Amino acid sequence: MYCNNLIILLFILILTGLVGAQESVAVFEFNAVGVDEKTTEAGMQIFRNELNATGKFSVIPTTEMEASLSAKGITDFNCYNVGCGVDYGLALGTENVIIGTFTKLGNKIITEVNLVSVSQGKVVFTDRFSTESVEDLDAVLRRLANAVAQRKKVGTEVGRFAVTEEEAQQPRRKKSFITSGGSFSFGFPFGDSYSGVNNIKTLWWNTRYETGNLVVDNSIGISWGSGDEAKVDVFGTTQTIAQTKIAVVPWDIGIRYIFSREAEFAPFLGGGVGIHFIAAQNYETIDYEVGGDEAPALHIAGGIFGFQSSNFRLTIEGKYTIVFTDAFPNSGNSSQQFGISIGITRELSTNGRGFGCGCF
């Protein structure tokens, strides 16, 4: 009986030792492309700590690793490829080596990790993640450490506003963006709107507040257009001039909903209100008529929001606008147009950080 209990106890101890055994691993500084030194150092410290925290690996301390390599005549501690990883792993007497890269594209930081088996002389596991901000890098490195420990790819790319679905619900992951830029639109009035003006050109300046999938748009512009030309008697002479000329300063405020923050190009829909400051001239006779108004307006809009991961943005939008005004002869008490605009904007910075931008 005593012998049986002793055997069982030894079996449990052996099993516990096997389950709790940690693999030694050397983690070399990742190759940083476009990422500053402080961010790289902080990222490496986080990754090593998270890898230790998985309980799967025992990370060789950096000072101990460098001391061991120096003792073998190795003074260059940078290692970015498999061949180097195998050589350094043999010198350190460890079976596992991790090499990786930090690559910055615009605001996006792409992190790639490779687990190298020294005995097999090859990469046995690799995964990568990307994030739109430095603030999300800690969560990325935590997930990559777990992925390496489990030898299981995460298979998800970090979006602009959330690292994971769970973290997306945390207030600290919900970021806001201030954006600004310019656009040009070409409008087509309906029927006799704007007293028969054929087209309306507008230069816009847009400032926006973005949060999640919502964008609050504040746009002010300068519009101009003219109607068909006609022969007009001016002091006994006949001249050919445009019958109607208009100038408008539109100020629109609206909300846009972007259907995806993960896609580079994503559709959006929205609408809003505004006030348009109007000046119109009717040259039907030499005694031309001048009209003006400060008129309320409504609009609905839709289009494509592009290059969401870059620090500049391209947007194409279709916009229907109705202005409630009687400033235009023969147009009743409202004028309508459908405009197509294209805009390019650049990010602004808030609290030292760059943000994405958009222009509609």
Protein backbone atom coordinates (compact mmCIF):
# COMPACT_ATOMS: atom_id res chain seq x y z
CA MET A 1 0.00 0.00 0.00
CA TYR A 2 2.78 2.38 0.93
CA CYS A 3 4.61 1.48 -2.28
CA ASN A 4 1.52 2.20 -4.40
CA ASN A 5 1.01 5.60 -2.77
CA LEU A 6 4.65 6.45 -3.35
CA ILE A 7 4.37 5.59 -7.04
CA ILE A 8 1.23 7.71 -7.39
CA LEU A 9 2.94 10.61 -5.63
CA LEU A 10 5.97 10.38 -7.89
CA PHE A 11 3.73 10.26 -10.96
CA ILE A 12 1.88 13.39 -9.83
CA LEU A 13 5.15 15.22 -9.20
CA ILE A 14 6.53 14.25 -12.60
CA LEU A 15 3.29 15.26 -14.34
CA THR A 16 3.19 18.56 -12.49
CA GLY A 17 6.77 19.26 -13.47
CA LEU A 18 6.04 18.55 -17.10
CA VAL A 19 2.93 20.70 -17.14
CA GLY A 20 4.61 23.57 -15.31
CA ALA A 21 7.87 23.39 -17.26
CA GLN A 22 8.77 26.60 -19.05
CA GLU A 23 10.69 26.87 -22.29
CA SER A 24 13.69 29.17 -22.29
CA VAL A 25 13.53 31.82 -25.01
CA ALA A 26 15.78 34.65 -26.15
CA VAL A 27 13.91 37.71 -27.42
CA PHE A 28 15.99 40.02 -29.58
CA GLU A 29 15.21 43.67 -30.22
CA PHE A 30 12.76 43.96 -33.10
CA ASN A 31 13.92 45.65 -36.29
CA ALA A 32 12.30 49.11 -36.20
CA VAL A 33 11.36 50.69 -39.53
CA GLY A 34 10.04 54.23 -39.06
CA VAL A 35 9.35 53.66 -35.35
CA ASP A 36 11.21 55.84 -32.86
CA GLU A 37 13.66 54.39 -30.35
CA LYS A 38 11.59 55.11 -27.23
CA THR A 39 8.52 53.38 -28.69
CA THR A 40 10.66 50.39 -29.69
CA GLU A 41 12.23 50.09 -26.24
CA ALA A 42 8.86 50.37 -24.49
CA GLY A 43 7.32 47.84 -26.89
CA MET A 44 10.09 45.31 -26.30
CA GLN A 45 9.74 45.62 -22.54
CA ILE A 46 5.98 45.08 -22.77
CA PHE A 47 6.37 42.09 -25.09
CA ARG A 48 8.95 40.37 -22.86
CA ASN A 49 6.78 40.92 -19.76
CA GLU A 50 3.66 39.62 -21.52
CA LEU A 51 5.55 36.58 -22.82
CA ASN A 52 6.74 35.78 -19.29
CA ALA A 53 3.20 36.26 -18.00
CA THR A 54 1.86 33.50 -20.27
CA GLY A 55 3.72 30.94 -18.13
CA LYS A 56 4.82 29.13 -21.27
CA PHE A 57 8.20 30.79 -21.65
CA SER A 58 11.02 31.92 -19.42
CA VAL A 59 12.50 34.93 -21.18
CA ILE A 60 16.26 35.28 -20.78
CA PRO A 61 16.93 38.74 -19.29
CA THR A 62 18.54 41.12 -21.76
CA THR A 63 21.59 41.81 -19.59
CA GLU A 64 22.17 38.08 -19.07
CA MET A 65 21.76 37.41 -22.79
CA GLU A 66 24.22 40.15 -23.79
CA ALA A 67 26.73 39.00 -21.16
CA SER A 68 26.59 35.42 -22.46
CA LEU A 69 27.05 36.53 -26.07
CA SER A 70 29.90 38.86 -25.12
CA ALA A 71 31.65 35.96 -23.35
CA LYS A 72 31.62 34.12 -26.68
CA GLY A 73 33.05 37.08 -28.57
CA ILE A 74 29.73 38.36 -29.97
CA THR A 75 29.41 42.14 -29.66
CA ASP A 76 26.59 42.83 -32.11
CA PHE A 77 23.40 42.01 -30.21
CA ASN A 78 21.06 42.84 -33.11
CA CYS A 79 19.44 39.80 -34.72
CA TYR A 80 16.82 40.16 -37.44
CA ASN A 81 16.92 36.88 -39.42
CA VAL A 82 16.66 33.12 -38.94
CA GLY A 83 20.36 32.38 -39.54
CA CYS A 84 21.43 34.84 -36.88
CA GLY A 85 18.72 33.54 -34.53
CA VAL A 86 19.98 29.97 -34.83
CA ASP A 87 23.62 30.98 -34.27
CA TYR A 88 22.82 33.16 -31.28
CA GLY A 89 20.46 30.53 -29.87
CA LEU A 90 23.24 27.92 -29.98
CA ALA A 91 25.61 30.37 -28.28
CA LEU A 92 23.03 30.98 -25.55
CA GLY A 93 22.11 27.33 -25.17
CA THR A 94 18.40 27.96 -25.74
CA GLU A 95 16.01 26.11 -28.01
CA ASN A 96 13.80 29.10 -28.79
CA VAL A 97 14.57 32.52 -30.26
CA ILE A 98 12.11 35.29 -31.13
CA ILE A 99 12.87 37.90 -33.79
CA GLY A 100 10.50 40.50 -35.16
CA THR A 101 9.82 43.89 -36.73
CA PHE A 102 8.01 47.14 -36.00
CA THR A 103 7.04 48.85 -39.27
CA LYS A 104 5.30 52.24 -39.47
CA LEU A 105 3.10 53.10 -42.46
CA GLY A 106 1.46 56.49 -42.01
CA ASN A 107 0.03 56.21 -38.50
CA LYS A 108 -0.29 52.43 -38.70
CA ILE A 109 2.26 50.31 -36.84
CA ILE A 110 2.62 46.72 -38.07
CA THR A 111 4.17 44.30 -35.59
CA GLU A 112 5.46 40.90 -36.74
CA VAL A 113 6.91 38.17 -34.50
CA ASN A 114 8.71 34.98 -35.53
CA LEU A 115 9.44 32.05 -33.21
CA VAL A 116 12.61 30.28 -34.37
CA SER A 117 13.43 26.69 -33.38
CA VAL A 118 17.21 26.50 -32.94
CA SER A 119 17.34 22.71 -33.40
CA GLN A 120 15.17 22.79 -36.53
CA GLY A 121 16.85 25.91 -37.90
CA LYS A 122 13.60 27.50 -39.08
CA VAL A 123 10.62 29.64 -38.10
CA VAL A 124 8.03 27.39 -36.45
CA PHE A 125 5.43 30.09 -35.78
CA THR A 126 4.78 33.57 -37.14
CA ASP A 127 2.01 36.11 -36.72
CA ARG A 128 1.51 39.83 -37.14
CA PHE A 129 -0.87 42.55 -36.07
CA SER A 130 -1.37 46.15 -37.09
CA THR A 131 -2.70 49.09 -35.14
CA GLU A 132 -3.53 52.63 -36.11
CA SER A 133 -2.04 54.22 -33.01
CA VAL A 134 0.86 53.89 -30.58
CA GLU A 135 -1.68 53.82 -27.74
CA ASP A 136 -2.96 50.44 -28.97
CA LEU A 137 0.50 48.87 -29.22
CA ASP A 138 0.43 47.43 -25.69
CA ALA A 139 -2.73 45.46 -26.43
CA VAL A 140 -1.27 44.26 -29.73
CA LEU A 141 1.88 42.97 -28.04
CA ARG A 142 -0.16 41.24 -25.34
CA ARG A 143 -2.17 39.36 -27.95
CA LEU A 144 0.93 38.47 -29.96
CA ALA A 145 2.64 37.11 -26.82
CA ASN A 146 -0.37 34.89 -26.18
CA ALA A 147 -0.44 33.82 -29.82
CA VAL A 148 3.22 32.75 -29.66
CA ALA A 149 2.68 30.89 -26.39
CA GLN A 150 -0.32 29.00 -27.79
CA ARG A 151 1.16 28.59 -31.29
CA LYS A 152 -2.19 29.86 -32.55
CA LYS A 153 -2.62 32.77 -34.92
CA VAL A 154 -4.84 35.57 -33.77
CA GLY A 155 -6.03 36.14 -37.33
CA THR A 156 -7.49 39.59 -36.65
CA GLU A 157 -6.17 42.98 -37.62
CA VAL A 158 -6.45 45.82 -35.14
CA GLY A 159 -8.81 48.55 -36.29
CA ARG A 160 -8.59 52.26 -35.76
CA PHE A 161 -10.87 52.34 -32.74
CA ALA A 162 -10.52 48.93 -31.07
CA VAL A 163 -8.01 46.17 -30.60
CA THR A 164 -10.56 43.46 -29.84
CA GLU A 165 -14.31 43.28 -29.59
CA GLU A 166 -14.03 43.18 -25.80
CA GLU A 167 -11.65 46.13 -25.69
CA ALA A 168 -13.87 48.06 -28.08
CA GLN A 169 -16.39 48.29 -25.27
CA GLN A 170 -13.88 49.93 -22.95
CA PRO A 171 -14.08 53.75 -22.87
CA ARG A 172 -10.29 54.06 -23.02
CA ARG A 173 -10.32 52.46 -26.47
CA LYS A 174 -12.88 54.85 -27.91
CA LYS A 175 -10.97 57.63 -29.61
CA SER A 176 -12.09 60.89 -31.14
CA PHE A 177 -10.64 62.62 -34.18
CA ILE A 178 -10.57 66.22 -35.34
CA THR A 179 -10.18 66.49 -39.09
CA SER A 180 -10.03 69.28 -41.64
CA GLY A 181 -9.60 69.83 -45.35
CA GLY A 182 -11.01 71.17 -48.59
CA SER A 183 -13.22 69.91 -51.40
CA PHE A 184 -14.77 71.02 -54.67
CA SER A 185 -18.34 70.26 -55.73
CA PHE A 186 -20.23 70.60 -58.98
CA GLY A 187 -23.99 71.06 -58.52
CA PHE A 188 -26.90 70.47 -60.91
CA PRO A 189 -30.05 72.50 -60.04
CA PHE A 190 -33.48 70.96 -60.54
CA GLY A 191 -35.80 72.62 -63.09
CA ASP A 192 -36.07 76.37 -62.56
CA SER A 193 -34.25 76.28 -59.23
CA TYR A 194 -31.88 79.18 -58.75
CA SER A 195 -33.67 81.06 -61.55
CA GLY A 196 -32.53 78.64 -64.22
CA VAL A 197 -28.83 78.62 -63.33
CA ASN A 198 -27.22 75.70 -65.19
CA ASN A 199 -24.66 74.62 -62.66
CA ILE A 200 -23.29 75.69 -59.32
CA LYS A 201 -19.63 75.36 -58.38
CA THR A 202 -18.62 75.35 -54.70
CA LEU A 203 -15.34 75.44 -52.84
CA TRP A 204 -15.71 73.96 -49.35
CA TRP A 205 -13.67 74.07 -46.17
CA ASN A 206 -14.60 71.20 -43.85
CA THR A 207 -13.93 70.65 -40.16
CA ARG A 208 -15.09 67.43 -38.53
CA TYR A 209 -15.29 65.62 -35.25
CA GLU A 210 -15.05 61.84 -35.67
CA THR A 211 -15.89 59.31 -32.98
CA GLY A 212 -16.50 55.65 -33.65
CA ASN A 213 -18.45 55.30 -36.88
CA LEU A 214 -19.99 58.77 -36.57
CA VAL A 215 -18.68 62.00 -38.08
CA VAL A 216 -20.04 65.43 -37.17
CA ASP A 217 -19.47 67.64 -40.20
CA ASN A 218 -19.13 71.44 -40.17
CA SER A 219 -18.68 72.86 -43.68
CA ILE A 220 -18.60 76.38 -45.07
CA GLY A 221 -18.20 77.26 -48.73
CA ILE A 222 -18.34 79.77 -51.55
CA SER A 223 -20.71 79.02 -54.43
CA TRP A 224 -21.24 80.69 -57.77
CA GLY A 225 -23.16 80.08 -60.98
CA SER A 226 -24.89 81.72 -63.93
CA GLY A 227 -27.86 81.06 -66.18
CA ASP A 228 -28.29 81.05 -69.95
CA GLU A 229 -27.11 84.05 -71.91
CA ALA A 230 -29.60 86.36 -73.59
CA LYS A 231 -29.55 89.55 -75.64
CA VAL A 232 -30.30 92.58 -73.51
CA ASP A 233 -30.85 96.17 -74.59
CA VAL A 234 -28.36 98.36 -72.71
CA PHE A 235 -28.64 102.11 -73.46
CA GLY A 236 -29.78 101.43 -77.00
CA THR A 237 -27.20 98.72 -77.71
CA THR A 238 -27.78 95.01 -77.69
CA GLN A 239 -25.46 92.97 -75.48
CA THR A 240 -25.31 89.24 -74.80
CA ILE A 241 -25.00 88.55 -71.09
CA ALA A 242 -26.09 85.89 -68.60
CA GLN A 243 -29.63 86.49 -67.48
CA THR A 244 -28.96 85.43 -63.92
CA LYS A 245 -25.88 85.31 -61.74
CA ILE A 246 -25.81 84.01 -58.20
CA ALA A 247 -23.35 83.92 -55.32
CA VAL A 248 -23.98 81.87 -52.19
CA VAL A 249 -22.12 81.30 -48.93
CA PRO A 250 -23.47 77.95 -47.67
CA TRP A 251 -22.88 76.80 -44.09
CA ASP A 252 -23.92 73.20 -43.47
CA ILE A 253 -23.76 71.08 -40.33
CA GLY A 254 -24.49 67.37 -40.52
CA ILE A 255 -23.81 63.83 -39.34
CA ARG A 256 -22.29 61.01 -41.41
CA TYR A 257 -22.36 57.32 -40.54
CA ILE A 258 -19.41 55.27 -41.86
CA PHE A 259 -20.36 51.62 -42.29
CA SER A 260 -16.85 50.25 -41.65
CA ARG A 261 -13.75 51.57 -39.92
CA GLU A 262 -11.75 48.48 -40.86
CA ALA A 263 -11.92 48.92 -44.65
CA GLU A 264 -9.65 51.28 -46.54
CA PHE A 265 -12.66 52.38 -48.61
CA ALA A 266 -16.04 52.39 -46.88
CA PRO A 267 -19.49 53.76 -47.79
CA PHE A 268 -21.27 56.36 -45.67
CA LEU A 269 -24.69 58.01 -45.42
CA GLY A 270 -25.85 61.11 -43.61
CA GLY A 271 -27.70 64.37 -43.59
CA GLY A 272 -27.98 67.72 -41.89
CA VAL A 273 -29.14 71.31 -41.81
CA GLY A 274 -27.65 74.65 -42.73
CA ILE A 275 -28.09 78.29 -43.54
CA HIS A 276 -27.23 79.74 -46.94
CA PHE A 277 -26.43 83.42 -47.49
CA ILE A 278 -27.64 84.25 -51.01
CA ALA A 279 -27.05 87.08 -53.49
CA ALA A 280 -28.74 86.91 -56.93
CA GLN A 281 -28.72 89.27 -59.91
CA ASN A 282 -31.26 89.17 -62.73
CA TYR A 283 -30.07 90.96 -65.90
CA GLU A 284 -33.27 90.69 -67.94
CA THR A 285 -33.14 94.46 -68.45
CA ILE A 286 -30.63 97.21 -67.77
CA ASP A 287 -32.55 97.87 -64.59
CA TYR A 288 -31.46 94.50 -63.23
CA GLU A 289 -32.98 93.16 -60.09
CA VAL A 290 -30.90 92.25 -57.05
CA GLY A 291 -32.16 89.73 -54.51
CA GLY A 292 -30.73 88.34 -51.32
CA ASP A 293 -31.70 86.09 -48.47
CA GLU A 294 -30.50 84.17 -45.45
CA ALA A 295 -32.26 80.87 -46.02
CA PRO A 296 -32.46 77.60 -44.08
CA ALA A 297 -31.42 74.42 -45.91
CA LEU A 298 -31.58 70.64 -45.58
CA HIS A 299 -29.36 68.02 -47.17
CA ILE A 300 -28.84 64.27 -47.44
CA ALA A 301 -25.55 62.76 -48.54
CA GLY A 302 -23.80 59.50 -49.34
CA GLY A 303 -20.50 58.40 -50.76
CA ILE A 304 -17.17 56.68 -50.23
CA PHE A 305 -14.74 57.39 -47.42
CA GLY A 306 -11.22 56.34 -48.50
CA PHE A 307 -7.67 55.77 -47.22
CA GLN A 308 -8.84 55.46 -43.61
CA SER A 309 -5.49 54.17 -42.37
CA SER A 310 -3.51 57.03 -43.90
CA ASN A 311 -2.86 60.52 -42.64
CA PHE A 312 -4.69 61.94 -45.64
CA ARG A 313 -8.13 61.07 -46.94
CA LEU A 314 -9.92 61.01 -50.28
CA THR A 315 -13.72 61.31 -50.26
CA ILE A 316 -16.28 61.22 -53.05
CA GLU A 317 -19.80 62.31 -52.16
CA GLY A 318 -23.21 62.84 -53.71
CA LYS A 319 -25.34 65.45 -51.93
CA TYR A 320 -28.95 66.54 -52.40
CA THR A 321 -29.72 70.02 -51.02
CA ILE A 322 -32.96 71.98 -50.75
CA VAL A 323 -32.85 75.68 -49.80
CA PHE A 324 -36.05 77.35 -48.57
CA THR A 325 -35.78 80.78 -50.19
CA ASP A 326 -37.72 83.09 -52.50
CA ALA A 327 -34.63 85.04 -53.56
CA PHE A 328 -34.72 83.56 -57.08
CA PRO A 329 -37.41 84.74 -59.51
CA ASN A 330 -39.51 81.96 -61.08
CA SER A 331 -38.20 79.41 -58.54
CA GLY A 332 -41.01 79.54 -56.01
CA ASN A 333 -40.12 79.36 -52.36
CA SER A 334 -37.39 76.74 -52.62
CA SER A 335 -34.47 75.73 -54.81
CA GLN A 336 -32.93 72.27 -55.11
CA GLN A 337 -29.70 70.81 -56.46
CA PHE A 338 -27.73 67.58 -56.57
CA GLY A 339 -23.98 67.99 -56.21
CA ILE A 340 -20.99 65.71 -56.64
CA SER A 341 -17.87 66.57 -54.68
CA ILE A 342 -14.35 65.27 -54.29
CA GLY A 343 -12.13 66.23 -51.37
CA ILE A 344 -8.71 65.62 -49.92
CA THR A 345 -7.94 66.34 -46.30
CA ARG A 346 -5.07 65.93 -43.89
CA GLU A 347 -5.07 64.98 -40.25
CA LEU A 348 -4.88 67.43 -37.39
CA SER A 349 -3.08 66.74 -34.12
CA THR A 350 -4.64 66.76 -30.68
CA ASN A 351 -2.64 66.33 -27.48
CA GLY A 352 0.46 65.63 -29.50
CA ARG A 353 -1.12 62.87 -31.52
CA GLY A 354 -2.05 62.76 -35.19
CA PHE A 355 -5.54 61.74 -36.18
CA GLY A 356 -7.25 60.43 -39.25
CA CYS A 357 -9.17 62.82 -41.42
CA GLY A 358 -11.96 63.00 -43.92
CA CYS A 359 -13.53 65.37 -46.34
CA PHE A 360 -17.00 65.25 -47.80
